[in-house]
Amino acid sequence: MFSILAITDNKLSSLNQCNSILNELKRISKKKITVKYMEINLGLTRHLPNILIYFFLRVRYLFYSSQKIDFIISCGRISAPFNLVFKKINSAKNCHILNPYFKKSEFNKIIIPKHDVKKEIDKNVITTFGTLVDLTKIKTERNITRKYFNSKKKKISFFVGGDGKSSKIMFKELENTIKELNLLSNKFEVIYCFSRRTPSYIKNIIRQKASKNNYFFPQPKINPYWVLLNISEYIFVTSDSISMISDSLSTGKKVYIVPIKKIKTKIKNFIEIILEKKMAKIFSGKLENWKYKKLEETKKVCKKLIKTLQL
């Protein structure tokens, strides 16, 4: 029995990335793996630097009894201090996803996307091209299609990002793509799926401009994002989201990038690489068929972790 503690902040993306590793380790490990989850909510304390959070936790857990934990994995900045504290208490091996921003040498492994690495890579760092993807999510919940999509037509999904620290989306950047998808709506079932970051006014304009027989998600109690990755013949995705692009490219489906001007340089560089490698394309008015080596970064990472953990 191999026991893992997964520590995350309250972001769904952090939990998804941890689960991508955990589910793949369960799949390829020869040992039986059990997982306990711990979600961090520090309130205002979360704004402190990680080193201060760490010393606060050392005092807080000074008399905390050790448990049967073999490996600790965490994702999200504020989860990193918890990871190191529990590593010391339980004498466990550990790994952190993304930059922990302190005491990097005390993590057995750190998983960081190449686009976030600015200098020489440390020996304990595993780099990925794009983000980690939980492939088990893509392969589940296909029965949702029977309830929400009645047509037997092949499907095109358009994943629309939005505003954030690294991006600003404008409707005029989406307008031509919507017009093209309207023309394709006779032959294909077109489905729009909005991000949590998509501004309300953008959603409203898209619903007005798009064909009336198109679908729009999320809806109350239903967000078929992972199902759409599974069932779509073609995927359109805005260039502001490395995670949505990584998810799309992990399917092997035909992916079209919809350019957004106001994005960070590191995202632009990522887009340039996938276009140069012809993994994805910019839509030119005609749907094409091409093949590429789909992203399997989670599998690559877990192969290395298996050796470290002797699983």
Protein backbone atom coordinates (compact mmCIF):
# COMPACT_ATOMS: atom_id res chain seq x y z
CA MET A 1 0.00 0.00 0.00
CA PHE A 2 1.40 3.39 -1.06
CA SER A 3 -0.16 6.43 0.63
CA ILE A 4 -0.30 9.87 -1.03
CA LEU A 5 -1.37 13.22 0.41
CA ALA A 6 -2.58 15.73 -2.21
CA ILE A 7 -2.57 19.37 -1.10
CA THR A 8 -4.23 22.10 -3.19
CA ASP A 9 -5.48 25.65 -2.86
CA ASN A 10 -9.15 26.32 -3.63
CA LYS A 11 -8.63 26.54 -7.40
CA LEU A 12 -10.17 23.84 -9.57
CA SER A 13 -7.18 24.01 -11.94
CA SER A 14 -4.85 23.02 -9.09
CA LEU A 15 -6.99 20.02 -8.20
CA ASN A 16 -7.20 18.98 -11.86
CA GLN A 17 -3.43 19.06 -12.28
CA CYS A 18 -2.87 17.03 -9.11
CA ASN A 19 -5.47 14.51 -10.24
CA SER A 20 -3.80 14.20 -13.63
CA ILE A 21 -0.67 12.91 -11.89
CA LEU A 22 -2.51 10.81 -9.32
CA ASN A 23 -4.72 9.03 -11.86
CA GLU A 24 -1.78 8.25 -14.13
CA LEU A 25 0.30 6.95 -11.20
CA LYS A 26 -2.59 4.68 -10.22
CA ARG A 27 -2.77 3.41 -13.79
CA ILE A 28 0.90 2.53 -14.22
CA SER A 29 2.02 1.68 -10.67
CA LYS A 30 2.48 -1.93 -9.58
CA LYS A 31 1.48 -0.98 -6.03
CA LYS A 32 -1.97 -0.12 -4.73
CA ILE A 33 -2.23 3.64 -4.15
CA THR A 34 -4.48 5.43 -1.66
CA VAL A 35 -4.96 9.21 -1.75
CA LYS A 36 -6.02 11.71 0.91
CA TYR A 37 -6.91 15.27 -0.11
CA MET A 38 -6.27 18.48 1.78
CA GLU A 39 -7.65 21.82 0.52
CA ILE A 40 -5.97 24.97 1.85
CA ASN A 41 -7.90 28.09 2.77
CA LEU A 42 -5.75 30.60 4.66
CA GLY A 43 -7.95 33.68 4.42
CA LEU A 44 -5.90 36.88 4.51
CA THR A 45 -2.78 34.91 5.50
CA ARG A 46 -2.63 33.64 1.90
CA HIS A 47 -1.22 37.03 0.82
CA LEU A 48 1.95 36.54 2.88
CA PRO A 49 5.17 35.36 1.21
CA ASN A 50 5.57 31.57 1.25
CA ILE A 51 8.55 31.71 3.61
CA LEU A 52 6.43 33.47 6.28
CA ILE A 53 3.57 31.01 5.78
CA TYR A 54 6.09 28.20 6.18
CA PHE A 55 7.43 29.43 9.55
CA PHE A 56 3.87 30.04 10.75
CA LEU A 57 3.00 26.43 9.87
CA ARG A 58 6.13 25.05 11.56
CA VAL A 59 4.85 26.53 14.83
CA ARG A 60 1.24 25.52 14.18
CA TYR A 61 2.14 21.87 13.53
CA LEU A 62 4.98 21.65 16.09
CA PHE A 63 3.34 18.80 18.01
CA TYR A 64 1.50 17.24 15.09
CA SER A 65 1.78 13.44 14.99
CA SER A 66 3.16 11.74 11.90
CA GLN A 67 0.89 9.65 9.69
CA LYS A 68 1.44 6.90 7.14
CA ILE A 69 2.25 9.12 4.17
CA ASP A 70 4.77 8.03 1.54
CA PHE A 71 4.43 10.86 -0.96
CA ILE A 72 3.06 14.42 -0.92
CA ILE A 73 1.99 16.25 -4.06
CA SER A 74 0.79 19.85 -4.12
CA CYS A 75 -0.28 22.50 -6.59
CA GLY A 76 -0.84 26.21 -6.05
CA ARG A 77 1.53 28.68 -4.39
CA ILE A 78 0.15 28.55 -0.83
CA SER A 79 0.08 24.75 -0.82
CA ALA A 80 3.89 24.58 -1.18
CA PRO A 81 4.67 25.53 2.49
CA PHE A 82 2.19 22.90 3.69
CA ASN A 83 3.91 20.35 1.47
CA LEU A 84 7.32 20.97 3.07
CA VAL A 85 5.97 21.01 6.63
CA PHE A 86 4.19 17.67 6.20
CA LYS A 87 7.20 16.25 4.40
CA LYS A 88 9.32 16.89 7.49
CA ILE A 89 6.67 15.53 9.86
CA ASN A 90 6.12 12.32 7.90
CA SER A 91 9.60 11.84 6.37
CA ALA A 92 7.93 11.53 2.98
CA LYS A 93 9.07 12.25 -0.55
CA ASN A 94 7.36 15.16 -2.25
CA CYS A 95 6.58 16.98 -5.47
CA HIS A 96 5.11 20.39 -6.26
CA ILE A 97 3.37 21.43 -9.46
CA LEU A 98 4.32 24.94 -10.67
CA ASN A 99 6.81 27.28 -9.04
CA PRO A 100 6.82 27.02 -5.20
CA TYR A 101 8.64 30.37 -4.97
CA PHE A 102 10.84 29.29 -2.05
CA LYS A 103 13.06 26.44 -0.76
CA LYS A 104 13.09 24.79 -4.20
CA SER A 105 15.94 22.45 -3.28
CA GLU A 106 13.82 20.84 -0.54
CA PHE A 107 11.34 19.40 -3.03
CA ASN A 108 12.25 16.02 -4.51
CA LYS A 109 10.60 17.05 -7.76
CA ILE A 110 9.08 20.27 -9.09
CA ILE A 111 6.94 20.19 -12.24
CA ILE A 112 7.07 23.43 -14.22
CA PRO A 113 5.90 24.26 -17.79
CA LYS A 114 8.80 25.20 -20.06
CA HIS A 115 7.20 28.56 -20.78
CA ASP A 116 7.56 29.45 -17.08
CA VAL A 117 11.27 28.56 -16.84
CA LYS A 118 13.35 31.74 -17.18
CA LYS A 119 16.84 30.47 -16.33
CA GLU A 120 18.89 27.29 -15.99
CA ILE A 121 16.82 24.28 -14.98
CA ASP A 122 17.58 22.75 -11.57
CA LYS A 123 18.19 19.00 -11.31
CA ASN A 124 14.97 18.37 -9.40
CA VAL A 125 12.79 20.16 -11.99
CA ILE A 126 10.69 18.27 -14.54
CA THR A 127 9.56 20.52 -17.40
CA THR A 128 6.40 20.07 -19.44
CA PHE A 129 5.28 21.47 -22.78
CA GLY A 130 1.98 23.05 -21.85
CA THR A 131 -0.03 22.03 -18.80
CA LEU A 132 -0.77 18.63 -17.26
CA VAL A 133 -3.96 17.00 -18.51
CA ASP A 134 -6.14 14.49 -16.68
CA LEU A 135 -6.89 12.07 -19.51
CA THR A 136 -9.42 10.15 -17.42
CA LYS A 137 -11.76 13.17 -17.54
CA ILE A 138 -11.77 13.20 -21.33
CA LYS A 139 -12.76 9.54 -21.47
CA THR A 140 -15.75 9.82 -19.12
CA GLU A 141 -19.31 11.11 -19.14
CA ARG A 142 -20.06 10.44 -22.81
CA ASN A 143 -23.67 9.66 -21.88
CA ILE A 144 -24.21 13.42 -21.44
CA THR A 145 -24.28 13.69 -25.24
CA ARG A 146 -27.50 11.67 -25.43
CA LYS A 147 -29.29 14.17 -23.19
CA TYR A 148 -28.01 17.48 -24.58
CA PHE A 149 -27.00 16.79 -28.18
CA ASN A 150 -29.67 15.11 -30.28
CA SER A 151 -28.10 15.57 -33.67
CA LYS A 152 -26.09 12.86 -35.37
CA LYS A 153 -23.97 15.53 -37.05
CA LYS A 154 -20.23 15.71 -36.39
CA LYS A 155 -19.40 18.31 -33.80
CA ILE A 156 -17.26 21.45 -33.69
CA SER A 157 -16.51 22.99 -30.30
CA PHE A 158 -15.31 26.54 -29.74
CA PHE A 159 -13.64 27.07 -26.36
CA VAL A 160 -13.68 30.79 -25.55
CA GLY A 161 -11.26 32.17 -22.96
CA GLY A 162 -11.41 35.62 -21.44
CA ASP A 163 -9.82 38.33 -19.35
CA GLY A 164 -7.15 37.82 -16.70
CA LYS A 165 -3.71 38.91 -15.56
CA SER A 166 -2.19 37.65 -18.81
CA SER A 167 -4.92 38.41 -21.35
CA LYS A 168 -7.68 40.70 -22.57
CA ILE A 169 -10.22 39.41 -25.09
CA MET A 170 -12.16 41.57 -27.56
CA PHE A 171 -15.28 40.52 -29.47
CA LYS A 172 -13.89 41.75 -32.80
CA GLU A 173 -11.18 39.09 -32.44
CA LEU A 174 -13.88 36.40 -32.38
CA GLU A 175 -16.28 37.86 -34.96
CA ASN A 176 -14.84 36.26 -38.11
CA THR A 177 -14.63 32.84 -36.45
CA ILE A 178 -18.31 33.08 -35.42
CA LYS A 179 -19.28 33.98 -39.01
CA GLU A 180 -17.31 30.98 -40.33
CA LEU A 181 -18.91 28.66 -37.76
CA ASN A 182 -22.36 29.96 -38.76
CA LEU A 183 -21.62 28.84 -42.33
CA LEU A 184 -20.57 25.42 -41.04
CA SER A 185 -23.68 25.04 -38.86
CA ASN A 186 -25.60 23.34 -41.68
CA LYS A 187 -23.18 20.43 -41.83
CA PHE A 188 -21.85 20.38 -38.23
CA GLU A 189 -23.28 20.74 -34.76
CA VAL A 190 -21.50 23.81 -33.34
CA ILE A 191 -21.04 24.13 -29.58
CA TYR A 192 -19.67 27.15 -27.70
CA CYS A 193 -18.11 26.58 -24.29
CA PHE A 194 -17.16 29.62 -22.23
CA SER A 195 -14.40 29.88 -19.64
CA ARG A 196 -14.87 31.19 -16.10
CA ARG A 197 -12.92 34.22 -17.35
CA THR A 198 -15.19 35.01 -20.31
CA PRO A 199 -16.83 38.45 -19.73
CA SER A 200 -20.64 38.45 -19.64
CA TYR A 201 -20.91 40.95 -22.48
CA ILE A 202 -18.80 38.70 -24.72
CA LYS A 203 -21.07 35.74 -23.95
CA ASN A 204 -24.16 37.83 -24.73
CA ILE A 205 -22.84 39.11 -28.07
CA ILE A 206 -21.77 35.60 -29.13
CA ARG A 207 -25.25 34.26 -28.38
CA GLN A 208 -26.74 37.08 -30.50
CA LYS A 209 -24.36 36.68 -33.45
CA ALA A 210 -24.10 32.89 -33.52
CA SER A 211 -26.54 30.63 -35.36
CA LYS A 212 -29.76 29.95 -33.43
CA ASN A 213 -29.26 26.19 -33.60
CA ASN A 214 -25.85 26.35 -31.86
CA TYR A 215 -25.35 25.26 -28.24
CA PHE A 216 -23.90 27.38 -25.44
CA PHE A 217 -22.29 26.17 -22.21
CA PRO A 218 -21.87 26.15 -19.25
CA GLN A 219 -25.56 25.93 -18.37
CA PRO A 220 -26.98 25.61 -14.85
CA LYS A 221 -25.69 22.35 -13.37
CA ILE A 222 -23.94 21.27 -16.57
CA ASN A 223 -20.53 22.04 -18.06
CA PRO A 224 -19.64 19.40 -20.65
CA TYR A 225 -16.12 20.76 -21.27
CA TRP A 226 -14.38 17.38 -20.96
CA VAL A 227 -17.12 15.62 -22.93
CA LEU A 228 -16.73 18.11 -25.77
CA LEU A 229 -13.02 17.38 -25.94
CA ASN A 230 -13.97 13.75 -26.40
CA ILE A 231 -16.76 14.00 -28.97
CA SER A 232 -15.68 16.95 -31.14
CA GLU A 233 -14.32 16.38 -34.61
CA TYR A 234 -12.75 19.86 -34.68
CA ILE A 235 -11.82 22.17 -31.83
CA PHE A 236 -11.48 25.96 -32.00
CA VAL A 237 -9.81 27.59 -28.99
CA THR A 238 -8.75 31.15 -28.22
CA SER A 239 -5.01 31.70 -27.89
CA ASP A 240 -5.15 33.20 -24.38
CA SER A 241 -5.43 29.85 -22.57
CA ILE A 242 -2.46 27.47 -22.49
CA SER A 243 -4.48 25.03 -20.39
CA MET A 244 -7.40 24.79 -22.85
CA ILE A 245 -4.97 24.45 -25.76
CA SER A 246 -3.03 21.74 -23.90
CA ASP A 247 -6.27 19.89 -23.16
CA SER A 248 -7.26 20.11 -26.82
CA LEU A 249 -3.90 18.92 -28.14
CA SER A 250 -3.93 15.95 -25.77
CA THR A 251 -6.90 14.51 -27.69
CA GLY A 252 -5.21 14.30 -31.09
CA LYS A 253 -8.21 16.13 -32.59
CA LYS A 254 -7.83 18.86 -35.22
CA VAL A 255 -7.28 22.12 -33.32
CA TYR A 256 -7.64 25.65 -34.67
CA ILE A 257 -6.19 28.58 -32.72
CA VAL A 258 -8.20 31.80 -32.66
CA PRO A 259 -5.63 34.61 -32.19
CA ILE A 260 -5.99 37.08 -29.32
CA LYS A 261 -3.65 40.08 -29.44
CA LYS A 262 -3.35 41.03 -25.78
CA ILE A 263 -1.60 38.02 -24.26
CA LYS A 264 1.72 37.58 -22.45
CA THR A 265 4.90 36.92 -24.42
CA LYS A 266 5.30 33.44 -22.94
CA ILE A 267 1.83 32.51 -24.27
CA LYS A 268 2.67 33.94 -27.70
CA ASN A 269 5.85 31.85 -27.75
CA PHE A 270 3.88 28.72 -26.86
CA ILE A 271 1.42 29.41 -29.68
CA GLU A 272 4.24 29.99 -32.16
CA ILE A 273 5.83 26.64 -31.31
CA ILE A 274 2.64 24.59 -31.74
CA LEU A 275 1.92 26.35 -35.04
CA GLU A 276 5.49 25.77 -36.28
CA LYS A 277 5.22 22.09 -35.34
CA LYS A 278 1.87 21.99 -37.18
CA MET A 279 0.14 20.58 -34.12
CA ALA A 280 -2.54 23.25 -34.51
CA LYS A 281 -3.47 25.71 -37.25
CA ILE A 282 -5.09 29.08 -37.85
CA PHE A 283 -8.43 28.63 -39.61
CA SER A 284 -8.33 29.79 -43.24
CA GLY A 285 -11.98 29.23 -44.16
CA LYS A 286 -11.77 25.51 -44.94
CA LEU A 287 -11.68 22.58 -42.53
CA GLU A 288 -8.60 20.41 -43.01
CA ASN A 289 -7.43 17.00 -41.88
CA TRP A 290 -3.93 16.56 -40.48
CA LYS A 291 -2.13 14.39 -37.96
CA TYR A 292 0.29 15.30 -35.17
CA LYS A 293 1.80 13.69 -32.12
CA LYS A 294 -0.68 14.51 -29.38
CA LEU A 295 0.53 15.90 -26.07
CA GLU A 296 1.19 13.28 -23.39
CA GLU A 297 3.05 15.34 -20.81
CA THR A 298 1.35 13.70 -17.83
CA LYS A 299 2.58 10.27 -18.95
CA LYS A 300 6.13 11.60 -19.40
CA VAL A 301 6.15 13.16 -15.93
CA CYS A 302 4.76 10.05 -14.23
CA LYS A 303 7.37 7.79 -15.81
CA LYS A 304 10.00 9.90 -14.07
CA LEU A 305 8.08 9.98 -10.79
CA ILE A 306 7.72 6.21 -10.81
CA LYS A 307 11.52 5.88 -10.74
CA THR A 308 11.87 8.47 -7.97
CA LEU A 309 9.18 6.82 -5.86
CA GLN A 310 10.18 3.25 -6.73
CA LEU A 311 6.61 2.41 -7.63
